[in-house]
């Protein structure tokens, strides 16, 4: 996990006791999968036309967003 992402749970839940592995801390490991540097290690993608639905257990799901995420993961897999 990128250190900028692990920082919050480490501070909130583990009292700073979790250490990042050296290969994660190494700056050469930073990769940018999107064309722009929107939010550093975080990326937010607006998915138009997405609609939440309730399943049988009254949990929300959004199958359009699932399809978008699946395509992004497939593209990352092909690119790496």
PDB file of N, CA and C in Angstrom:
ATOM      1  N   UNK A   1       0.847  -1.168   0.000  1.00  0.00           N
ATOM      2  CA  UNK A   1       0.000   0.000   0.000  1.00  0.00           C
ATOM      3  C   UNK A   1       0.897   1.237   0.000  1.00  0.00           C
ATOM      4  N   UNK A   2       0.556   2.209  -0.801  1.00  0.00           N
ATOM      5  CA  UNK A   2       1.331   3.445  -0.854  1.00  0.00           C
ATOM      6  C   UNK A   2       1.327   4.111   0.525  1.00  0.00           C
ATOM      7  N   UNK A   3       2.481   4.627   0.972  1.00  0.00           N
ATOM      8  CA  UNK A   3       2.555   5.242   2.300  1.00  0.00           C
ATOM      9  C   UNK A   3       1.534   6.349   2.543  1.00  0.00           C
ATOM     10  N   UNK A   4       1.182   7.098   1.524  1.00  0.00           N
ATOM     11  CA  UNK A   4       0.199   8.169   1.723  1.00  0.00           C
ATOM     12  C   UNK A   4      -1.198   7.615   1.984  1.00  0.00           C
ATOM     13  N   UNK A   5      -1.444   6.375   1.572  1.00  0.00           N
ATOM     14  CA  UNK A   5      -2.729   5.736   1.848  1.00  0.00           C
ATOM     15  C   UNK A   5      -2.687   5.035   3.205  1.00  0.00           C
ATOM     16  N   UNK A   6      -1.589   4.368   3.518  1.00  0.00           N
ATOM     17  CA  UNK A   6      -1.487   3.634   4.787  1.00  0.00           C
ATOM     18  C   UNK A   6      -1.356   4.546   5.994  1.00  0.00           C
ATOM     19  N   UNK A   7      -1.002   5.789   5.771  1.00  0.00           N
ATOM     20  CA  UNK A   7      -0.786   6.731   6.864  1.00  0.00           C
ATOM     21  C   UNK A   7      -2.012   6.859   7.763  1.00  0.00           C
ATOM     22  N   UNK A   8      -3.206   6.998   7.184  1.00  0.00           N
ATOM     23  CA  UNK A   8      -4.407   7.182   7.991  1.00  0.00           C
ATOM     24  C   UNK A   8      -4.737   5.960   8.851  1.00  0.00           C
ATOM     25  N   UNK A   9      -4.903   4.748   8.261  1.00  0.00           N
ATOM     26  CA  UNK A   9      -5.239   3.620   9.131  1.00  0.00           C
ATOM     27  C   UNK A   9      -4.135   3.308  10.145  1.00  0.00           C
ATOM     28  N   UNK A  10      -2.881   3.529   9.761  1.00  0.00           N
ATOM     29  CA  UNK A  10      -1.785   3.287  10.680  1.00  0.00           C
ATOM     30  C   UNK A  10      -1.903   4.203  11.899  1.00  0.00           C
ATOM     31  N   UNK A  11      -2.206   5.469  11.665  1.00  0.00           N
ATOM     32  CA  UNK A  11      -2.336   6.416  12.776  1.00  0.00           C
ATOM     33  C   UNK A  11      -3.602   6.185  13.591  1.00  0.00           C
ATOM     34  N   UNK A  12      -4.711   5.902  12.924  1.00  0.00           N
ATOM     35  CA  UNK A  12      -6.001   5.785  13.609  1.00  0.00           C
ATOM     36  C   UNK A  12      -6.216   4.448  14.317  1.00  0.00           C
ATOM     37  N   UNK A  13      -5.719   3.370  13.738  1.00  0.00           N
ATOM     38  CA  UNK A  13      -6.046   2.047  14.259  1.00  0.00           C
ATOM     39  C   UNK A  13      -4.859   1.271  14.836  1.00  0.00           C
ATOM     40  N   UNK A  14      -3.643   1.643  14.446  1.00  0.00           N
ATOM     41  CA  UNK A  14      -2.473   0.858  14.851  1.00  0.00           C
ATOM     42  C   UNK A  14      -1.445   1.667  15.644  1.00  0.00           C
ATOM     43  N   UNK A  15      -1.820   2.873  16.048  1.00  0.00           N
ATOM     44  CA  UNK A  15      -0.933   3.730  16.848  1.00  0.00           C
ATOM     45  C   UNK A  15       0.447   3.896  16.234  1.00  0.00           C
ATOM     46  N   UNK A  16       0.525   3.940  14.911  1.00  0.00           N
ATOM     47  CA  UNK A  16       1.786   4.165  14.214  1.00  0.00           C
ATOM     48  C   UNK A  16       2.762   3.006  14.284  1.00  0.00           C
ATOM     49  N   UNK A  17       2.283   1.821  14.638  1.00  0.00           N
ATOM     50  CA  UNK A  17       3.171   0.677  14.811  1.00  0.00           C
ATOM     51  C   UNK A  17       3.451  -0.088  13.517  1.00  0.00           C
ATOM     52  N   UNK A  18       2.699   0.181  12.459  1.00  0.00           N
ATOM     53  CA  UNK A  18       2.898  -0.512  11.186  1.00  0.00           C
ATOM     54  C   UNK A  18       3.989   0.214  10.400  1.00  0.00           C
ATOM     55  N   UNK A  19       4.940  -0.529   9.890  1.00  0.00           N
ATOM     56  CA  UNK A  19       6.028   0.048   9.099  1.00  0.00           C
ATOM     57  C   UNK A  19       5.848  -0.303   7.629  1.00  0.00           C
ATOM     58  N   UNK A  20       6.160   0.658   6.774  1.00  0.00           N
ATOM     59  CA  UNK A  20       6.111   0.408   5.331  1.00  0.00           C
ATOM     60  C   UNK A  20       7.377  -0.330   4.914  1.00  0.00           C
ATOM     61  N   UNK A  21       7.209  -1.261   4.005  1.00  0.00           N
ATOM     62  CA  UNK A  21       8.327  -2.034   3.466  1.00  0.00           C
ATOM     63  C   UNK A  21       9.226  -1.098   2.647  1.00  0.00           C
ATOM     64  N   UNK A  22      10.538  -1.307   2.665  1.00  0.00           N
ATOM     65  CA  UNK A  22      11.447  -0.425   1.910  1.00  0.00           C
ATOM     66  C   UNK A  22      11.107  -0.289   0.422  1.00  0.00           C
ATOM     67  N   UNK A  23      10.619  -1.375  -0.221  1.00  0.00           N
ATOM     68  CA  UNK A  23      10.324  -1.256  -1.648  1.00  0.00           C
ATOM     69  C   UNK A  23       9.083  -0.408  -1.906  1.00  0.00           C
ATOM     70  N   UNK A  24       8.268  -0.175  -0.894  1.00  0.00           N
ATOM     71  CA  UNK A  24       7.104   0.705  -1.036  1.00  0.00           C
ATOM     72  C   UNK A  24       7.512   2.154  -0.824  1.00  0.00           C
ATOM     73  N   UNK A  25       8.452   2.365   0.063  1.00  0.00           N
ATOM     74  CA  UNK A  25       8.915   3.719   0.368  1.00  0.00           C
ATOM     75  C   UNK A  25       9.755   4.287  -0.781  1.00  0.00           C
ATOM     76  N   UNK A  26      10.464   3.436  -1.508  1.00  0.00           N
ATOM     77  CA  UNK A  26      11.353   3.849  -2.590  1.00  0.00           C
ATOM     78  C   UNK A  26      10.597   4.683  -3.620  1.00  0.00           C
ATOM     79  N   UNK A  27      11.065   5.879  -3.876  1.00  0.00           N
ATOM     80  CA  UNK A  27      10.405   6.798  -4.820  1.00  0.00           C
ATOM     81  C   UNK A  27      10.380   6.252  -6.244  1.00  0.00           C
ATOM     82  N   UNK A  28      11.339   5.408  -6.598  1.00  0.00           N
ATOM     83  CA  UNK A  28      11.376   4.852  -7.957  1.00  0.00           C
ATOM     84  C   UNK A  28      10.176   3.939  -8.211  1.00  0.00           C
ATOM     85  N   UNK A  29       9.503   3.516  -7.149  1.00  0.00           N
ATOM     86  CA  UNK A  29       8.361   2.621  -7.295  1.00  0.00           C
ATOM     87  C   UNK A  29       7.094   3.389  -7.674  1.00  0.00           C
ATOM     88  N   UNK A  30       7.081   4.692  -7.504  1.00  0.00           N
ATOM     89  CA  UNK A  30       5.894   5.489  -7.831  1.00  0.00           C
ATOM     90  C   UNK A  30       5.554   5.339  -9.304  1.00  0.00           C
ATOM     91  N   UNK A  31       4.332   4.974  -9.575  1.00  0.00           N
ATOM     92  CA  UNK A  31       3.857   4.846 -10.950  1.00  0.00           C
ATOM     93  C   UNK A  31       2.587   5.670 -11.089  1.00  0.00           C
ATOM     94  N   UNK A  32       2.400   6.220 -12.239  1.00  0.00           N
ATOM     95  CA  UNK A  32       1.192   6.989 -12.514  1.00  0.00           C
ATOM     96  C   UNK A  32       0.435   6.264 -13.618  1.00  0.00           C
ATOM     97  N   UNK A  33      -0.743   5.737 -13.259  1.00  0.00           N
ATOM     98  CA  UNK A  33      -1.517   4.966 -14.209  1.00  0.00           C
ATOM     99  C   UNK A  33      -2.484   5.839 -15.008  1.00  0.00           C
ATOM    100  N   UNK A  34      -2.784   7.009 -14.490  1.00  0.00           N
ATOM    101  CA  UNK A  34      -3.660   7.921 -15.209  1.00  0.00           C
ATOM    102  C   UNK A  34      -2.814   8.997 -15.863  1.00  0.00           C
ATOM    103  N   UNK A  35      -3.356   9.650 -16.862  1.00  0.00           N
ATOM    104  CA  UNK A  35      -2.588  10.634 -17.630  1.00  0.00           C
ATOM    105  C   UNK A  35      -2.217  11.851 -16.802  1.00  0.00           C
ATOM    106  N   UNK A  36      -3.042  12.215 -15.858  1.00  0.00           N
ATOM    107  CA  UNK A  36      -2.789  13.415 -15.072  1.00  0.00           C
ATOM    108  C   UNK A  36      -2.486  13.035 -13.626  1.00  0.00           C
ATOM    109  N   UNK A  37      -1.828  13.911 -12.916  1.00  0.00           N
ATOM    110  CA  UNK A  37      -1.537  13.697 -11.508  1.00  0.00           C
ATOM    111  C   UNK A  37      -2.652  14.351 -10.693  1.00  0.00           C
ATOM    112  N   UNK A  38      -3.830  13.718 -10.695  1.00  0.00           N
ATOM    113  CA  UNK A  38      -5.004  14.331 -10.087  1.00  0.00           C
ATOM    114  C   UNK A  38      -4.887  14.458  -8.571  1.00  0.00           C
ATOM    115  N   UNK A  39      -4.702  13.347  -7.887  1.00  0.00           N
ATOM    116  CA  UNK A  39      -4.664  13.366  -6.427  1.00  0.00           C
ATOM    117  C   UNK A  39      -3.505  12.535  -5.894  1.00  0.00           C
ATOM    118  N   UNK A  40      -2.406  12.504  -6.582  1.00  0.00           N
ATOM    119  CA  UNK A  40      -1.267  11.724  -6.132  1.00  0.00           C
ATOM    120  C   UNK A  40      -1.588  10.239  -6.161  1.00  0.00           C
ATOM    121  N   UNK A  41      -1.492   9.585  -5.011  1.00  0.00           N
ATOM    122  CA  UNK A  41      -1.744   8.151  -4.957  1.00  0.00           C
ATOM    123  C   UNK A  41      -3.234   7.822  -4.931  1.00  0.00           C
ATOM    124  N   UNK A  42      -4.078   8.842  -4.799  1.00  0.00           N
ATOM    125  CA  UNK A  42      -5.525   8.650  -4.853  1.00  0.00           C
ATOM    126  C   UNK A  42      -6.026   9.104  -6.222  1.00  0.00           C
ATOM    127  N   UNK A  43      -6.993   8.424  -6.750  1.00  0.00           N
ATOM    128  CA  UNK A  43      -7.612   8.848  -8.002  1.00  0.00           C
ATOM    129  C   UNK A  43      -9.123   8.734  -7.865  1.00  0.00           C
ATOM    130  N   UNK A  44      -9.814   9.765  -8.264  1.00  0.00           N
ATOM    131  CA  UNK A  44     -11.266   9.774  -8.261  1.00  0.00           C
ATOM    132  C   UNK A  44     -11.718   9.905  -9.702  1.00  0.00           C
ATOM    133  N   UNK A  45     -12.626   9.064 -10.111  1.00  0.00           N
ATOM    134  CA  UNK A  45     -13.109   9.080 -11.478  1.00  0.00           C
ATOM    135  C   UNK A  45     -14.620   9.221 -11.443  1.00  0.00           C
ATOM    136  N   UNK A  46     -15.119  10.262 -12.078  1.00  0.00           N
ATOM    137  CA  UNK A  46     -16.560  10.486 -12.130  1.00  0.00           C
ATOM    138  C   UNK A  46     -17.176   9.524 -13.140  1.00  0.00           C
ATOM    139  N   UNK A  47     -18.148   8.760 -12.701  1.00  0.00           N
ATOM    140  CA  UNK A  47     -18.826   7.803 -13.569  1.00  0.00           C
ATOM    141  C   UNK A  47     -20.239   8.325 -13.824  1.00  0.00           C
ATOM    142  N   UNK A  48     -20.439   8.880 -14.999  1.00  0.00           N
ATOM    143  CA  UNK A  48     -21.770   9.373 -15.371  1.00  0.00           C
ATOM    144  C   UNK A  48     -22.721   8.192 -15.591  1.00  0.00           C
ATOM    145  N   UNK A  49     -23.976   8.430 -15.442  1.00  0.00           N
ATOM    146  CA  UNK A  49     -25.037   7.458 -15.705  1.00  0.00           C
ATOM    147  C   UNK A  49     -25.041   6.296 -14.713  1.00  0.00           C
ATOM    148  N   UNK A  50     -24.309   6.404 -13.623  1.00  0.00           N
ATOM    149  CA  UNK A  50     -24.307   5.332 -12.630  1.00  0.00           C
ATOM    150  C   UNK A  50     -25.567   5.440 -11.776  1.00  0.00           C
ATOM    151  N   UNK A  51     -26.111   4.288 -11.413  1.00  0.00           N
ATOM    152  CA  UNK A  51     -27.334   4.263 -10.619  1.00  0.00           C
ATOM    153  C   UNK A  51     -27.219   3.190  -9.545  1.00  0.00           C
ATOM    154  N   UNK A  52     -27.431   3.598  -8.291  1.00  0.00           N
ATOM    155  CA  UNK A  52     -27.396   2.638  -7.197  1.00  0.00           C
ATOM    156  C   UNK A  52     -28.724   1.895  -7.116  1.00  0.00           C
ATOM    157  N   UNK A  53     -28.633   0.616  -6.816  1.00  0.00           N
ATOM    158  CA  UNK A  53     -29.814  -0.224  -6.661  1.00  0.00           C
ATOM    159  C   UNK A  53     -29.710  -0.953  -5.328  1.00  0.00           C
ATOM    160  N   UNK A  54     -30.830  -1.372  -4.785  1.00  0.00           N
ATOM    161  CA  UNK A  54     -30.842  -2.170  -3.565  1.00  0.00           C
ATOM    162  C   UNK A  54     -30.923  -3.649  -3.931  1.00  0.00           C
ATOM    163  N   UNK A  55     -30.105  -4.466  -3.242  1.00  0.00           N
ATOM    164  CA  UNK A  55     -30.223  -5.902  -3.467  1.00  0.00           C
ATOM    165  C   UNK A  55     -31.217  -6.490  -2.465  1.00  0.00           C
ATOM    166  N   UNK A  56     -31.310  -7.805  -2.403  1.00  0.00           N
ATOM    167  CA  UNK A  56     -32.285  -8.460  -1.527  1.00  0.00           C
ATOM    168  C   UNK A  56     -32.021  -8.194  -0.048  1.00  0.00           C
ATOM    169  N   UNK A  57     -30.798  -7.864   0.304  1.00  0.00           N
ATOM    170  CA  UNK A  57     -30.441  -7.579   1.703  1.00  0.00           C
ATOM    171  C   UNK A  57     -30.430  -6.085   2.000  1.00  0.00           C
ATOM    172  N   UNK A  58     -30.956  -5.285   1.077  1.00  0.00           N
ATOM    173  CA  UNK A  58     -31.025  -3.836   1.205  1.00  0.00           C
ATOM    174  C   UNK A  58     -29.658  -3.164   1.240  1.00  0.00           C
ATOM    175  N   UNK A  59     -28.677  -3.820   0.647  1.00  0.00           N
ATOM    176  CA  UNK A  59     -27.365  -3.203   0.452  1.00  0.00           C
ATOM    177  C   UNK A  59     -27.360  -2.550  -0.921  1.00  0.00           C
ATOM    178  N   UNK A  60     -26.667  -1.442  -1.033  1.00  0.00           N
ATOM    179  CA  UNK A  60     -26.623  -0.766  -2.327  1.00  0.00           C
ATOM    180  C   UNK A  60     -25.552  -1.381  -3.211  1.00  0.00           C
ATOM    181  N   UNK A  61     -25.833  -1.378  -4.492  1.00  0.00           N
ATOM    182  CA  UNK A  61     -24.862  -1.831  -5.487  1.00  0.00           C
ATOM    183  C   UNK A  61     -25.003  -0.936  -6.705  1.00  0.00           C
ATOM    184  N   UNK A  62     -23.943  -0.855  -7.462  1.00  0.00           N
ATOM    185  CA  UNK A  62     -23.941  -0.029  -8.652  1.00  0.00           C
ATOM    186  C   UNK A  62     -23.190  -0.799  -9.735  1.00  0.00           C
ATOM    187  N   UNK A  63     -23.922  -1.520 -10.533  1.00  0.00           N
ATOM    188  CA  UNK A  63     -23.316  -2.412 -11.520  1.00  0.00           C
ATOM    189  C   UNK A  63     -22.591  -1.654 -12.628  1.00  0.00           C
ATOM    190  N   UNK A  64     -23.015  -0.437 -12.941  1.00  0.00           N
ATOM    191  CA  UNK A  64     -22.318   0.353 -13.959  1.00  0.00           C
ATOM    192  C   UNK A  64     -20.921   0.713 -13.466  1.00  0.00           C
ATOM    193  N   UNK A  65     -20.807   1.112 -12.190  1.00  0.00           N
ATOM    194  CA  UNK A  65     -19.491   1.417 -11.636  1.00  0.00           C
ATOM    195  C   UNK A  65     -18.623   0.167 -11.579  1.00  0.00           C
ATOM    196  N   UNK A  66     -19.224  -0.984 -11.291  1.00  0.00           N
ATOM    197  CA  UNK A  66     -18.472  -2.239 -11.298  1.00  0.00           C
ATOM    198  C   UNK A  66     -17.876  -2.490 -12.678  1.00  0.00           C
ATOM    199  N   UNK A  67     -18.656  -2.262 -13.717  1.00  0.00           N
ATOM    200  CA  UNK A  67     -18.176  -2.474 -15.081  1.00  0.00           C
ATOM    201  C   UNK A  67     -17.020  -1.526 -15.407  1.00  0.00           C
ATOM    202  N   UNK A  68     -17.115  -0.273 -14.969  1.00  0.00           N
ATOM    203  CA  UNK A  68     -16.048   0.699 -15.213  1.00  0.00           C
ATOM    204  C   UNK A  68     -14.774   0.271 -14.490  1.00  0.00           C
ATOM    205  N   UNK A  69     -14.913  -0.134 -13.242  1.00  0.00           N
ATOM    206  CA  UNK A  69     -13.748  -0.575 -12.471  1.00  0.00           C
ATOM    207  C   UNK A  69     -13.118  -1.810 -13.101  1.00  0.00           C
ATOM    208  N   UNK A  70     -13.948  -2.749 -13.537  1.00  0.00           N
ATOM    209  CA  UNK A  70     -13.430  -3.960 -14.178  1.00  0.00           C
ATOM    210  C   UNK A  70     -12.633  -3.607 -15.436  1.00  0.00           C
ATOM    211  N   UNK A  71     -13.100  -2.630 -16.198  1.00  0.00           N
ATOM    212  CA  UNK A  71     -12.376  -2.215 -17.408  1.00  0.00           C
ATOM    213  C   UNK A  71     -11.058  -1.539 -17.055  1.00  0.00           C
ATOM    214  N   UNK A  72     -11.060  -0.735 -16.008  1.00  0.00           N
ATOM    215  CA  UNK A  72      -9.815  -0.063 -15.580  1.00  0.00           C
ATOM    216  C   UNK A  72      -8.795  -1.107 -15.130  1.00  0.00           C
ATOM    217  N   UNK A  73      -9.239  -2.088 -14.343  1.00  0.00           N
ATOM    218  CA  UNK A  73      -8.338  -3.137 -13.879  1.00  0.00           C
ATOM    219  C   UNK A  73      -7.801  -3.948 -15.066  1.00  0.00           C
ATOM    220  N   UNK A  74      -8.662  -4.253 -16.031  1.00  0.00           N
ATOM    221  CA  UNK A  74      -8.220  -4.993 -17.215  1.00  0.00           C
ATOM    222  C   UNK A  74      -7.167  -4.197 -17.986  1.00  0.00           C
ATOM    223  N   UNK A  75      -7.376  -2.890 -18.126  1.00  0.00           N
ATOM    224  CA  UNK A  75      -6.405  -2.040 -18.819  1.00  0.00           C
ATOM    225  C   UNK A  75      -5.080  -1.972 -18.067  1.00  0.00           C
ATOM    226  N   UNK A  76      -5.139  -1.881 -16.736  1.00  0.00           N
ATOM    227  CA  UNK A  76      -3.911  -1.871 -15.945  1.00  0.00           C
ATOM    228  C   UNK A  76      -3.169  -3.191 -16.091  1.00  0.00           C
ATOM    229  N   UNK A  77      -3.908  -4.283 -16.094  1.00  0.00           N
ATOM    230  CA  UNK A  77      -3.303  -5.604 -16.247  1.00  0.00           C
ATOM    231  C   UNK A  77      -2.584  -5.712 -17.592  1.00  0.00           C
ATOM    232  N   UNK A  78      -3.235  -5.245 -18.644  1.00  0.00           N
ATOM    233  CA  UNK A  78      -2.613  -5.286 -19.973  1.00  0.00           C
ATOM    234  C   UNK A  78      -1.377  -4.390 -20.046  1.00  0.00           C
ATOM    235  N   UNK A  79      -1.456  -3.235 -19.392  1.00  0.00           N
ATOM    236  CA  UNK A  79      -0.360  -2.264 -19.448  1.00  0.00           C
ATOM    237  C   UNK A  79       0.838  -2.627 -18.607  1.00  0.00           C
ATOM    238  N   UNK A  80       0.642  -3.507 -17.645  1.00  0.00           N
ATOM    239  CA  UNK A  80       1.754  -3.846 -16.730  1.00  0.00           C
ATOM    240  C   UNK A  80       2.205  -5.256 -16.985  1.00  0.00           C
TER     241      UNK A  80
END
